[in-house]
mmCIF file of all heavy atoms, coordinates in Angstrom:
data_MODEL
# 
_entry.id   MODEL 
# 
loop_
_atom_site.group_PDB 
_atom_site.id 
_atom_site.type_symbol 
_atom_site.label_atom_id 
_atom_site.label_alt_id 
_atom_site.label_comp_id 
_atom_site.label_asym_id 
_atom_site.label_entity_id 
_atom_site.label_seq_id 
_atom_site.pdbx_PDB_ins_code 
_atom_site.Cartn_x 
_atom_site.Cartn_y 
_atom_site.Cartn_z 
_atom_site.occupancy 
_atom_site.B_iso_or_equiv 
_atom_site.pdbx_formal_charge 
_atom_site.auth_seq_id 
_atom_site.auth_comp_id 
_atom_site.auth_asym_id 
_atom_site.auth_atom_id 
_atom_site.pdbx_PDB_model_num 
ATOM 1   N N   . LEU A 1 1  ? 75.421 111.133 82.622 1.00 0.00 ? 1  LEU A N   1 
ATOM 2   C CA  . LEU A 1 1  ? 75.000 110.661 81.320 1.00 0.00 ? 1  LEU A CA  1 
ATOM 3   C C   . LEU A 1 1  ? 76.151 109.970 80.573 1.00 0.00 ? 1  LEU A C   1 
ATOM 4   O O   . LEU A 1 1  ? 75.936 108.991 79.855 1.00 0.00 ? 1  LEU A O   1 
ATOM 5   C CB  . LEU A 1 1  ? 74.468 111.825 80.457 1.00 0.00 ? 1  LEU A CB  1 
ATOM 6   C CG  . LEU A 1 1  ? 73.162 112.461 80.981 1.00 0.00 ? 1  LEU A CG  1 
ATOM 7   C CD1 . LEU A 1 1  ? 72.708 113.575 80.034 1.00 0.00 ? 1  LEU A CD1 1 
ATOM 8   C CD2 . LEU A 1 1  ? 72.061 111.406 81.136 1.00 0.00 ? 1  LEU A CD2 1 
ATOM 9   N N   . ASP A 1 2  ? 77.372 110.461 80.766 1.00 0.00 ? 2  ASP A N   1 
ATOM 10  C CA  . ASP A 1 2  ? 78.537 109.803 80.197 1.00 0.00 ? 2  ASP A CA  1 
ATOM 11  C C   . ASP A 1 2  ? 78.718 108.401 80.807 1.00 0.00 ? 2  ASP A C   1 
ATOM 12  O O   . ASP A 1 2  ? 79.098 107.450 80.108 1.00 0.00 ? 2  ASP A O   1 
ATOM 13  C CB  . ASP A 1 2  ? 79.807 110.615 80.430 1.00 0.00 ? 2  ASP A CB  1 
ATOM 14  C CG  . ASP A 1 2  ? 79.905 111.814 79.507 1.00 0.00 ? 2  ASP A CG  1 
ATOM 15  O OD1 . ASP A 1 2  ? 79.131 111.878 78.536 1.00 0.00 ? 2  ASP A OD1 1 
ATOM 16  O OD2 . ASP A 1 2  ? 80.738 112.723 79.765 1.00 0.00 ? 2  ASP A OD2 1 
ATOM 17  N N   . GLU A 1 3  ? 78.448 108.312 82.101 1.00 0.00 ? 3  GLU A N   1 
ATOM 18  C CA  . GLU A 1 3  ? 78.519 106.997 82.765 1.00 0.00 ? 3  GLU A CA  1 
ATOM 19  C C   . GLU A 1 3  ? 77.500 106.045 82.161 1.00 0.00 ? 3  GLU A C   1 
ATOM 20  O O   . GLU A 1 3  ? 77.817 104.868 81.891 1.00 0.00 ? 3  GLU A O   1 
ATOM 21  C CB  . GLU A 1 3  ? 78.276 107.176 84.267 1.00 0.00 ? 3  GLU A CB  1 
ATOM 22  C CG  . GLU A 1 3  ? 78.273 105.879 85.048 1.00 0.00 ? 3  GLU A CG  1 
ATOM 23  C CD  . GLU A 1 3  ? 77.993 106.095 86.514 1.00 0.00 ? 3  GLU A CD  1 
ATOM 24  O OE1 . GLU A 1 3  ? 78.674 106.931 87.134 1.00 0.00 ? 3  GLU A OE1 1 
ATOM 25  O OE2 . GLU A 1 3  ? 77.077 105.429 87.046 1.00 0.00 ? 3  GLU A OE2 1 
ATOM 26  N N   . ALA A 1 4  ? 76.285 106.503 81.952 1.00 0.00 ? 4  ALA A N   1 
ATOM 27  C CA  . ALA A 1 4  ? 75.251 105.664 81.368 1.00 0.00 ? 4  ALA A CA  1 
ATOM 28  C C   . ALA A 1 4  ? 75.642 105.237 79.960 1.00 0.00 ? 4  ALA A C   1 
ATOM 29  O O   . ALA A 1 4  ? 75.433 104.079 79.556 1.00 0.00 ? 4  ALA A O   1 
ATOM 30  C CB  . ALA A 1 4  ? 73.912 106.416 81.341 1.00 0.00 ? 4  ALA A CB  1 
ATOM 31  N N   . GLU A 1 5  ? 76.217 106.138 79.190 1.00 0.00 ? 5  GLU A N   1 
ATOM 32  C CA  . GLU A 1 5  ? 76.629 105.840 77.823 1.00 0.00 ? 5  GLU A CA  1 
ATOM 33  C C   . GLU A 1 5  ? 77.742 104.799 77.832 1.00 0.00 ? 5  GLU A C   1 
ATOM 34  O O   . GLU A 1 5  ? 77.751 103.870 77.016 1.00 0.00 ? 5  GLU A O   1 
ATOM 35  C CB  . GLU A 1 5  ? 77.099 107.110 77.126 1.00 0.00 ? 5  GLU A CB  1 
ATOM 36  C CG  . GLU A 1 5  ? 77.691 106.905 75.736 1.00 0.00 ? 5  GLU A CG  1 
ATOM 37  C CD  . GLU A 1 5  ? 76.661 106.460 74.710 1.00 0.00 ? 5  GLU A CD  1 
ATOM 38  O OE1 . GLU A 1 5  ? 75.466 106.443 75.018 1.00 0.00 ? 5  GLU A OE1 1 
ATOM 39  O OE2 . GLU A 1 5  ? 77.098 106.092 73.591 1.00 0.00 ? 5  GLU A OE2 1 
ATOM 40  N N   . ASN A 1 6  ? 78.697 104.932 78.740 1.00 0.00 ? 6  ASN A N   1 
ATOM 41  C CA  . ASN A 1 6  ? 79.791 103.989 78.842 1.00 0.00 ? 6  ASN A CA  1 
ATOM 42  C C   . ASN A 1 6  ? 79.275 102.584 79.182 1.00 0.00 ? 6  ASN A C   1 
ATOM 43  O O   . ASN A 1 6  ? 79.704 101.593 78.586 1.00 0.00 ? 6  ASN A O   1 
ATOM 44  C CB  . ASN A 1 6  ? 80.793 104.467 79.884 1.00 0.00 ? 6  ASN A CB  1 
ATOM 45  C CG  . ASN A 1 6  ? 81.952 103.513 80.072 1.00 0.00 ? 6  ASN A CG  1 
ATOM 46  O OD1 . ASN A 1 6  ? 82.009 102.810 81.083 1.00 0.00 ? 6  ASN A OD1 1 
ATOM 47  N ND2 . ASN A 1 6  ? 82.866 103.459 79.128 1.00 0.00 ? 6  ASN A ND2 1 
ATOM 48  N N   . GLU A 1 7  ? 78.352 102.509 80.131 1.00 0.00 ? 7  GLU A N   1 
ATOM 49  C CA  . GLU A 1 7  ? 77.767 101.217 80.483 1.00 0.00 ? 7  GLU A CA  1 
ATOM 50  C C   . GLU A 1 7  ? 76.986 100.615 79.310 1.00 0.00 ? 7  GLU A C   1 
ATOM 51  O O   . GLU A 1 7  ? 77.000 99.399  79.100 1.00 0.00 ? 7  GLU A O   1 
ATOM 52  C CB  . GLU A 1 7  ? 76.844 101.380 81.701 1.00 0.00 ? 7  GLU A CB  1 
ATOM 53  C CG  . GLU A 1 7  ? 77.524 101.836 82.988 1.00 0.00 ? 7  GLU A CG  1 
ATOM 54  C CD  . GLU A 1 7  ? 78.342 100.724 83.633 1.00 0.00 ? 7  GLU A CD  1 
ATOM 55  O OE1 . GLU A 1 7  ? 78.470 99.634  83.034 1.00 0.00 ? 7  GLU A OE1 1 
ATOM 56  O OE2 . GLU A 1 7  ? 78.825 100.938 84.772 1.00 0.00 ? 7  GLU A OE2 1 
ATOM 57  N N   . ARG A 1 8  ? 76.337 101.466 78.546 1.00 0.00 ? 8  ARG A N   1 
ATOM 58  C CA  . ARG A 1 8  ? 75.600 100.963 77.375 1.00 0.00 ? 8  ARG A CA  1 
ATOM 59  C C   . ARG A 1 8  ? 76.559 100.371 76.341 1.00 0.00 ? 8  ARG A C   1 
ATOM 60  O O   . ARG A 1 8  ? 76.266 99.357  75.693 1.00 0.00 ? 8  ARG A O   1 
ATOM 61  C CB  . ARG A 1 8  ? 74.777 102.087 76.742 1.00 0.00 ? 8  ARG A CB  1 
ATOM 62  C CG  . ARG A 1 8  ? 73.809 101.614 75.663 1.00 0.00 ? 8  ARG A CG  1 
ATOM 63  C CD  . ARG A 1 8  ? 72.990 102.786 75.140 1.00 0.00 ? 8  ARG A CD  1 
ATOM 64  N NE  . ARG A 1 8  ? 73.813 103.723 74.425 1.00 0.00 ? 8  ARG A NE  1 
ATOM 65  C CZ  . ARG A 1 8  ? 74.134 103.621 73.115 1.00 0.00 ? 8  ARG A CZ  1 
ATOM 66  N NH1 . ARG A 1 8  ? 73.673 102.604 72.417 1.00 0.00 ? 8  ARG A NH1 1 
ATOM 67  N NH2 . ARG A 1 8  ? 74.889 104.528 72.535 1.00 0.00 ? 8  ARG A NH2 1 
ATOM 68  N N   . MET A 1 9  ? 77.721 100.985 76.200 1.00 0.00 ? 9  MET A N   1 
ATOM 69  C CA  . MET A 1 9  ? 78.717 100.457 75.281 1.00 0.00 ? 9  MET A CA  1 
ATOM 70  C C   . MET A 1 9  ? 79.288 99.128  75.751 1.00 0.00 ? 9  MET A C   1 
ATOM 71  O O   . MET A 1 9  ? 79.674 98.275  74.950 1.00 0.00 ? 9  MET A O   1 
ATOM 72  C CB  . MET A 1 9  ? 79.835 101.469 75.043 1.00 0.00 ? 9  MET A CB  1 
ATOM 73  C CG  . MET A 1 9  ? 79.406 102.682 74.242 1.00 0.00 ? 9  MET A CG  1 
ATOM 74  S SD  . MET A 1 9  ? 78.606 102.256 72.666 1.00 0.00 ? 9  MET A SD  1 
ATOM 75  C CE  . MET A 1 9  ? 79.860 101.253 71.907 1.00 0.00 ? 9  MET A CE  1 
ATOM 76  N N   . HIS A 1 10 ? 79.299 98.924  77.071 1.00 0.00 ? 10 HIS A N   1 
ATOM 77  C CA  . HIS A 1 10 ? 79.685 97.605  77.596 1.00 0.00 ? 10 HIS A CA  1 
ATOM 78  C C   . HIS A 1 10 ? 78.687 96.567  77.066 1.00 0.00 ? 10 HIS A C   1 
ATOM 79  O O   . HIS A 1 10 ? 79.076 95.467  76.647 1.00 0.00 ? 10 HIS A O   1 
ATOM 80  C CB  . HIS A 1 10 ? 79.643 97.588  79.123 1.00 0.00 ? 10 HIS A CB  1 
ATOM 81  C CG  . HIS A 1 10 ? 80.695 98.448  79.743 1.00 0.00 ? 10 HIS A CG  1 
ATOM 82  N ND1 . HIS A 1 10 ? 80.770 98.645  81.122 1.00 0.00 ? 10 HIS A ND1 1 
ATOM 83  C CD2 . HIS A 1 10 ? 81.726 99.173  79.224 1.00 0.00 ? 10 HIS A CD2 1 
ATOM 84  C CE1 . HIS A 1 10 ? 81.800 99.431  81.387 1.00 0.00 ? 10 HIS A CE1 1 
ATOM 85  N NE2 . HIS A 1 10 ? 82.376 99.768  80.257 1.00 0.00 ? 10 HIS A NE2 1 
ATOM 86  N N   . LEU A 1 11 ? 77.408 96.911  77.114 1.00 0.00 ? 11 LEU A N   1 
ATOM 87  C CA  . LEU A 1 11 ? 76.366 95.993  76.635 1.00 0.00 ? 11 LEU A CA  1 
ATOM 88  C C   . LEU A 1 11 ? 76.518 95.751  75.136 1.00 0.00 ? 11 LEU A C   1 
ATOM 89  O O   . LEU A 1 11 ? 76.439 94.586  74.678 1.00 0.00 ? 11 LEU A O   1 
ATOM 90  C CB  . LEU A 1 11 ? 74.987 96.567  76.926 1.00 0.00 ? 11 LEU A CB  1 
ATOM 91  C CG  . LEU A 1 11 ? 73.803 95.772  76.330 1.00 0.00 ? 11 LEU A CG  1 
ATOM 92  C CD1 . LEU A 1 11 ? 73.759 94.386  76.915 1.00 0.00 ? 11 LEU A CD1 1 
ATOM 93  C CD2 . LEU A 1 11 ? 72.506 96.512  76.555 1.00 0.00 ? 11 LEU A CD2 1 
ATOM 94  N N   . MET A 1 12 ? 76.723 96.811  74.352 1.00 0.00 ? 12 MET A N   1 
ATOM 95  C CA  . MET A 1 12 ? 76.887 96.651  72.913 1.00 0.00 ? 12 MET A CA  1 
ATOM 96  C C   . MET A 1 12 ? 78.045 95.716  72.593 1.00 0.00 ? 12 MET A C   1 
ATOM 97  O O   . MET A 1 12 ? 78.010 94.954  71.613 1.00 0.00 ? 12 MET A O   1 
ATOM 98  C CB  . MET A 1 12 ? 77.143 98.005  72.241 1.00 0.00 ? 12 MET A CB  1 
ATOM 99  C CG  . MET A 1 12 ? 76.034 99.031  72.367 1.00 0.00 ? 12 MET A CG  1 
ATOM 100 S SD  . MET A 1 12 ? 74.489 98.527  71.546 1.00 0.00 ? 12 MET A SD  1 
ATOM 101 C CE  . MET A 1 12 ? 73.499 98.072  72.973 1.00 0.00 ? 12 MET A CE  1 
ATOM 102 N N   . THR A 1 13 ? 79.066 95.720  73.456 1.00 0.00 ? 13 THR A N   1 
ATOM 103 C CA  . THR A 1 13 ? 80.232 94.861  73.254 1.00 0.00 ? 13 THR A CA  1 
ATOM 104 C C   . THR A 1 13 ? 79.922 93.416  73.598 1.00 0.00 ? 13 THR A C   1 
ATOM 105 O O   . THR A 1 13 ? 80.193 92.509  72.808 1.00 0.00 ? 13 THR A O   1 
ATOM 106 C CB  . THR A 1 13 ? 81.417 95.347  74.116 1.00 0.00 ? 13 THR A CB  1 
ATOM 107 O OG1 . THR A 1 13 ? 81.806 96.652  73.670 1.00 0.00 ? 13 THR A OG1 1 
ATOM 108 C CG2 . THR A 1 13 ? 82.587 94.417  73.990 1.00 0.00 ? 13 THR A CG2 1 
ATOM 109 N N   . PHE A 1 14 ? 79.332 93.179  74.772 1.00 0.00 ? 14 PHE A N   1 
ATOM 110 C CA  . PHE A 1 14 ? 79.090 91.809  75.195 1.00 0.00 ? 14 PHE A CA  1 
ATOM 111 C C   . PHE A 1 14 ? 77.960 91.154  74.412 1.00 0.00 ? 14 PHE A C   1 
ATOM 112 O O   . PHE A 1 14 ? 77.840 89.921  74.422 1.00 0.00 ? 14 PHE A O   1 
ATOM 113 C CB  . PHE A 1 14 ? 78.814 91.772  76.705 1.00 0.00 ? 14 PHE A CB  1 
ATOM 114 C CG  . PHE A 1 14 ? 80.055 91.894  77.525 1.00 0.00 ? 14 PHE A CG  1 
ATOM 115 C CD1 . PHE A 1 14 ? 80.299 93.026  78.274 1.00 0.00 ? 14 PHE A CD1 1 
ATOM 116 C CD2 . PHE A 1 14 ? 81.015 90.886  77.516 1.00 0.00 ? 14 PHE A CD2 1 
ATOM 117 C CE1 . PHE A 1 14 ? 81.472 93.158  79.015 1.00 0.00 ? 14 PHE A CE1 1 
ATOM 118 C CE2 . PHE A 1 14 ? 82.179 91.006  78.250 1.00 0.00 ? 14 PHE A CE2 1 
ATOM 119 C CZ  . PHE A 1 14 ? 82.409 92.148  79.004 1.00 0.00 ? 14 PHE A CZ  1 
ATOM 120 N N   . MET A 1 15 ? 77.133 91.948  73.738 1.00 0.00 ? 15 MET A N   1 
ATOM 121 C CA  . MET A 1 15 ? 76.155 91.363  72.831 1.00 0.00 ? 15 MET A CA  1 
ATOM 122 C C   . MET A 1 15 ? 76.838 90.590  71.708 1.00 0.00 ? 15 MET A C   1 
ATOM 123 O O   . MET A 1 15 ? 76.279 89.654  71.162 1.00 0.00 ? 15 MET A O   1 
ATOM 124 C CB  . MET A 1 15 ? 75.300 92.489  72.206 1.00 0.00 ? 15 MET A CB  1 
ATOM 125 C CG  . MET A 1 15 ? 74.190 92.978  73.118 1.00 0.00 ? 15 MET A CG  1 
ATOM 126 S SD  . MET A 1 15 ? 73.461 94.506  72.495 1.00 0.00 ? 15 MET A SD  1 
ATOM 127 C CE  . MET A 1 15 ? 73.060 94.062  70.830 1.00 0.00 ? 15 MET A CE  1 
ATOM 128 N N   . GLU A 1 16 ? 78.067 90.992  71.380 1.00 0.00 ? 16 GLU A N   1 
ATOM 129 C CA  . GLU A 1 16 ? 78.787 90.349  70.289 1.00 0.00 ? 16 GLU A CA  1 
ATOM 130 C C   . GLU A 1 16 ? 79.453 89.050  70.689 1.00 0.00 ? 16 GLU A C   1 
ATOM 131 O O   . GLU A 1 16 ? 79.844 88.263  69.837 1.00 0.00 ? 16 GLU A O   1 
ATOM 132 C CB  . GLU A 1 16 ? 79.866 91.315  69.751 1.00 0.00 ? 16 GLU A CB  1 
ATOM 133 C CG  . GLU A 1 16 ? 79.349 92.659  69.270 1.00 0.00 ? 16 GLU A CG  1 
ATOM 134 C CD  . GLU A 1 16 ? 78.505 92.519  68.015 1.00 0.00 ? 16 GLU A CD  1 
ATOM 135 O OE1 . GLU A 1 16 ? 78.777 91.615  67.214 1.00 0.00 ? 16 GLU A OE1 1 
ATOM 136 O OE2 . GLU A 1 16 ? 77.569 93.327  67.846 1.00 0.00 ? 16 GLU A OE2 1 
ATOM 137 N N   . VAL A 1 17 ? 79.640 88.818  71.995 1.00 0.00 ? 17 VAL A N   1 
ATOM 138 C CA  . VAL A 1 17 ? 80.378 87.631  72.417 1.00 0.00 ? 17 VAL A CA  1 
ATOM 139 C C   . VAL A 1 17 ? 79.535 86.656  73.216 1.00 0.00 ? 17 VAL A C   1 
ATOM 140 O O   . VAL A 1 17 ? 79.971 85.507  73.448 1.00 0.00 ? 17 VAL A O   1 
ATOM 141 C CB  . VAL A 1 17 ? 81.598 88.034  73.273 1.00 0.00 ? 17 VAL A CB  1 
ATOM 142 C CG1 . VAL A 1 17 ? 82.564 88.863  72.465 1.00 0.00 ? 17 VAL A CG1 1 
ATOM 143 C CG2 . VAL A 1 17 ? 81.193 88.789  74.535 1.00 0.00 ? 17 VAL A CG2 1 
ATOM 144 N N   . SER A 1 18 ? 78.342 87.019  73.662 1.00 0.00 ? 18 SER A N   1 
ATOM 145 C CA  . SER A 1 18 ? 77.504 86.129  74.460 1.00 0.00 ? 18 SER A CA  1 
ATOM 146 C C   . SER A 1 18 ? 76.308 85.651  73.665 1.00 0.00 ? 18 SER A C   1 
ATOM 147 O O   . SER A 1 18 ? 75.878 86.304  72.725 1.00 0.00 ? 18 SER A O   1 
ATOM 148 C CB  . SER A 1 18 ? 77.029 86.837  75.728 1.00 0.00 ? 18 SER A CB  1 
ATOM 149 O OG  . SER A 1 18 ? 76.204 87.932  75.418 1.00 0.00 ? 18 SER A OG  1 
ATOM 150 N N   . GLN A 1 19 ? 75.806 84.516  74.059 1.00 0.00 ? 19 GLN A N   1 
ATOM 151 C CA  . GLN A 1 19 ? 74.620 83.946  73.432 1.00 0.00 ? 19 GLN A CA  1 
ATOM 152 C C   . GLN A 1 19 ? 73.580 83.690  74.511 1.00 0.00 ? 19 GLN A C   1 
ATOM 153 O O   . GLN A 1 19 ? 73.378 82.577  74.969 1.00 0.00 ? 19 GLN A O   1 
ATOM 154 C CB  . GLN A 1 19 ? 74.990 82.628  72.736 1.00 0.00 ? 19 GLN A CB  1 
ATOM 155 C CG  . GLN A 1 19 ? 76.004 82.776  71.606 1.00 0.00 ? 19 GLN A CG  1 
ATOM 156 C CD  . GLN A 1 19 ? 75.414 83.514  70.402 1.00 0.00 ? 19 GLN A CD  1 
ATOM 157 O OE1 . GLN A 1 19 ? 74.214 83.491  70.198 1.00 0.00 ? 19 GLN A OE1 1 
ATOM 158 N NE2 . GLN A 1 19 ? 76.270 84.164  69.626 1.00 0.00 ? 19 GLN A NE2 1 
ATOM 159 N N   . PRO A 1 20 ? 72.893 84.731  74.981 1.00 0.00 ? 20 PRO A N   1 
ATOM 160 C CA  . PRO A 1 20 ? 71.912 84.563  76.058 1.00 0.00 ? 20 PRO A CA  1 
ATOM 161 C C   . PRO A 1 20 ? 70.726 83.718  75.605 1.00 0.00 ? 20 PRO A C   1 
ATOM 162 O O   . PRO A 1 20 ? 70.338 83.752  74.429 1.00 0.00 ? 20 PRO A O   1 
ATOM 163 C CB  . PRO A 1 20 ? 71.496 86.001  76.372 1.00 0.00 ? 20 PRO A CB  1 
ATOM 164 C CG  . PRO A 1 20 ? 71.744 86.745  75.098 1.00 0.00 ? 20 PRO A CG  1 
ATOM 165 C CD  . PRO A 1 20 ? 72.955 86.115  74.485 1.00 0.00 ? 20 PRO A CD  1 
ATOM 166 N N   . ARG A 1 21 ? 70.192 82.994  76.544 1.00 0.00 ? 21 ARG A N   1 
ATOM 167 C CA  . ARG A 1 21 ? 69.020 82.147  76.253 1.00 0.00 ? 21 ARG A CA  1 
ATOM 168 C C   . ARG A 1 21 ? 67.775 83.012  76.277 1.00 0.00 ? 21 ARG A C   1 
ATOM 169 O O   . ARG A 1 21 ? 67.783 84.128  76.782 1.00 0.00 ? 21 ARG A O   1 
ATOM 170 C CB  . ARG A 1 21 ? 68.935 81.030  77.271 1.00 0.00 ? 21 ARG A CB  1 
ATOM 171 C CG  . ARG A 1 21 ? 70.139 80.085  77.182 1.00 0.00 ? 21 ARG A CG  1 
ATOM 172 C CD  . ARG A 1 21 ? 70.310 79.266  78.427 1.00 0.00 ? 21 ARG A CD  1 
ATOM 173 N NE  . ARG A 1 21 ? 71.530 78.455  78.327 1.00 0.00 ? 21 ARG A NE  1 
ATOM 174 C CZ  . ARG A 1 21 ? 72.096 77.847  79.354 1.00 0.00 ? 21 ARG A CZ  1 
ATOM 175 N NH1 . ARG A 1 21 ? 71.584 78.006  80.570 1.00 0.00 ? 21 ARG A NH1 1 
ATOM 176 N NH2 . ARG A 1 21 ? 73.183 77.130  79.192 1.00 0.00 ? 21 ARG A NH2 1 
ATOM 177 N N   . TRP A 1 22 ? 66.669 82.461  75.777 1.00 0.00 ? 22 TRP A N   1 
ATOM 178 C CA  . TRP A 1 22 ? 65.440 83.246  75.626 1.00 0.00 ? 22 TRP A CA  1 
ATOM 179 C C   . TRP A 1 22 ? 64.944 83.748  76.984 1.00 0.00 ? 22 TRP A C   1 
ATOM 180 O O   . TRP A 1 22 ? 64.467 84.869  77.113 1.00 0.00 ? 22 TRP A O   1 
ATOM 181 C CB  . TRP A 1 22 ? 64.360 82.417  74.944 1.00 0.00 ? 22 TRP A CB  1 
ATOM 182 C CG  . TRP A 1 22 ? 63.864 81.254  75.763 1.00 0.00 ? 22 TRP A CG  1 
ATOM 183 C CD1 . TRP A 1 22 ? 64.324 79.978  75.756 1.00 0.00 ? 22 TRP A CD1 1 
ATOM 184 C CD2 . TRP A 1 22 ? 62.814 81.296  76.739 1.00 0.00 ? 22 TRP A CD2 1 
ATOM 185 N NE1 . TRP A 1 22 ? 63.634 79.191  76.658 1.00 0.00 ? 22 TRP A NE1 1 
ATOM 186 C CE2 . TRP A 1 22 ? 62.683 79.984  77.268 1.00 0.00 ? 22 TRP A CE2 1 
ATOM 187 C CE3 . TRP A 1 22 ? 61.957 82.290  77.204 1.00 0.00 ? 22 TRP A CE3 1 
ATOM 188 C CZ2 . TRP A 1 22 ? 61.748 79.664  78.239 1.00 0.00 ? 22 TRP A CZ2 1 
ATOM 189 C CZ3 . TRP A 1 22 ? 61.020 81.975  78.175 1.00 0.00 ? 22 TRP A CZ3 1 
ATOM 190 C CH2 . TRP A 1 22 ? 60.907 80.665  78.679 1.00 0.00 ? 22 TRP A CH2 1 
ATOM 191 N N   . TYR A 1 23 ? 65.058 82.893  78.026 1.00 0.00 ? 23 TYR A N   1 
ATOM 192 C CA  . TYR A 1 23 ? 64.557 83.327  79.329 1.00 0.00 ? 23 TYR A CA  1 
ATOM 193 C C   . TYR A 1 23 ? 65.465 84.378  79.967 1.00 0.00 ? 23 TYR A C   1 
ATOM 194 O O   . TYR A 1 23 ? 64.994 85.170  80.791 1.00 0.00 ? 23 TYR A O   1 
ATOM 195 C CB  . TYR A 1 23 ? 64.379 82.122  80.265 1.00 0.00 ? 23 TYR A CB  1 
ATOM 196 C CG  . TYR A 1 23 ? 65.617 81.298  80.515 1.00 0.00 ? 23 TYR A CG  1 
ATOM 197 C CD1 . TYR A 1 23 ? 66.566 81.658  81.459 1.00 0.00 ? 23 TYR A CD1 1 
ATOM 198 C CD2 . TYR A 1 23 ? 65.820 80.121  79.782 1.00 0.00 ? 23 TYR A CD2 1 
ATOM 199 C CE1 . TYR A 1 23 ? 67.680 80.895  81.688 1.00 0.00 ? 23 TYR A CE1 1 
ATOM 200 C CE2 . TYR A 1 23 ? 66.935 79.332  80.008 1.00 0.00 ? 23 TYR A CE2 1 
ATOM 201 C CZ  . TYR A 1 23 ? 67.878 79.725  80.964 1.00 0.00 ? 23 TYR A CZ  1 
ATOM 202 O OH  . TYR A 1 23 ? 68.986 78.955  81.166 1.00 0.00 ? 23 TYR A OH  1 
ATOM 203 N N   . GLU A 1 24 ? 66.731 84.409  79.585 1.00 0.00 ? 24 GLU A N   1 
ATOM 204 C CA  . GLU A 1 24 ? 67.612 85.458  80.080 1.00 0.00 ? 24 GLU A CA  1 
ATOM 205 C C   . GLU A 1 24 ? 67.258 86.783  79.424 1.00 0.00 ? 24 GLU A C   1 
ATOM 206 O O   . GLU A 1 24 ? 67.290 87.841  80.070 1.00 0.00 ? 24 GLU A O   1 
ATOM 207 C CB  . GLU A 1 24 ? 69.066 85.094  79.801 1.00 0.00 ? 24 GLU A CB  1 
ATOM 208 C CG  . GLU A 1 24 ? 69.549 83.932  80.649 1.00 0.00 ? 24 GLU A CG  1 
ATOM 209 C CD  . GLU A 1 24 ? 70.909 83.438  80.236 1.00 0.00 ? 24 GLU A CD  1 
ATOM 210 O OE1 . GLU A 1 24 ? 71.297 83.634  79.072 1.00 0.00 ? 24 GLU A OE1 1 
ATOM 211 O OE2 . GLU A 1 24 ? 71.601 82.805  81.080 1.00 0.00 ? 24 GLU A OE2 1 
ATOM 212 N N   . ARG A 1 25 ? 66.925 86.753  78.138 1.00 0.00 ? 25 ARG A N   1 
ATOM 213 C CA  . ARG A 1 25 ? 66.504 87.989  77.478 1.00 0.00 ? 25 ARG A CA  1 
ATOM 214 C C   . ARG A 1 25 ? 65.173 88.482  78.049 1.00 0.00 ? 25 ARG A C   1 
ATOM 215 O O   . ARG A 1 25 ? 64.972 89.689  78.188 1.00 0.00 ? 25 ARG A O   1 
ATOM 216 C CB  . ARG A 1 25 ? 66.369 87.738  75.958 1.00 0.00 ? 25 ARG A CB  1 
ATOM 217 C CG  . ARG A 1 25 ? 67.696 87.464  75.285 1.00 0.00 ? 25 ARG A CG  1 
ATOM 218 C CD  . ARG A 1 25 ? 67.589 87.648  73.789 1.00 0.00 ? 25 ARG A CD  1 
ATOM 219 N NE  . ARG A 1 25 ? 66.733 86.643  73.159 1.00 0.00 ? 25 ARG A NE  1 
ATOM 220 C CZ  . ARG A 1 25 ? 67.177 85.511  72.621 1.00 0.00 ? 25 ARG A CZ  1 
ATOM 221 N NH1 . ARG A 1 25 ? 68.454 85.233  72.659 1.00 0.00 ? 25 ARG A NH1 1 
ATOM 222 N NH2 . ARG A 1 25 ? 66.353 84.668  72.054 1.00 0.00 ? 25 ARG A NH2 1 
ATOM 223 N N   . ALA A 1 26 ? 64.284 87.543  78.377 1.00 0.00 ? 26 ALA A N   1 
ATOM 224 C CA  . ALA A 1 26 ? 63.006 87.925  78.982 1.00 0.00 ? 26 ALA A CA  1 
ATOM 225 C C   . ALA A 1 26 ? 63.222 88.517  80.372 1.00 0.00 ? 26 ALA A C   1 
ATOM 226 O O   . ALA A 1 26 ? 62.535 89.458  80.787 1.00 0.00 ? 26 ALA A O   1 
ATOM 227 C CB  . ALA A 1 26 ? 62.071 86.716  79.067 1.00 0.00 ? 26 ALA A CB  1 
ATOM 228 N N   . LEU A 1 27 ? 64.204 87.963  81.082 1.00 0.00 ? 27 LEU A N   1 
ATOM 229 C CA  . LEU A 1 27 ? 64.500 88.462  82.429 1.00 0.00 ? 27 LEU A CA  1 
ATOM 230 C C   . LEU A 1 27 ? 64.964 89.911  82.414 1.00 0.00 ? 27 LEU A C   1 
ATOM 231 O O   . LEU A 1 27 ? 64.716 90.662  83.367 1.00 0.00 ? 27 LEU A O   1 
ATOM 232 C CB  . LEU A 1 27 ? 65.567 87.579  83.074 1.00 0.00 ? 27 LEU A CB  1 
ATOM 233 C CG  . LEU A 1 27 ? 65.915 87.867  84.538 1.00 0.00 ? 27 LEU A CG  1 
ATOM 234 C CD1 . LEU A 1 27 ? 64.711 87.667  85.435 1.00 0.00 ? 27 LEU A CD1 1 
ATOM 235 C CD2 . LEU A 1 27 ? 67.062 86.975  84.995 1.00 0.00 ? 27 LEU A CD2 1 
# 
């Protein structure tokens, strides 16, 4: 569960620096 939480925090971080396109979000 700690591993899952750490990976989720990676996502929370890269959400701040990336601009995914609509089809990438749908994917």
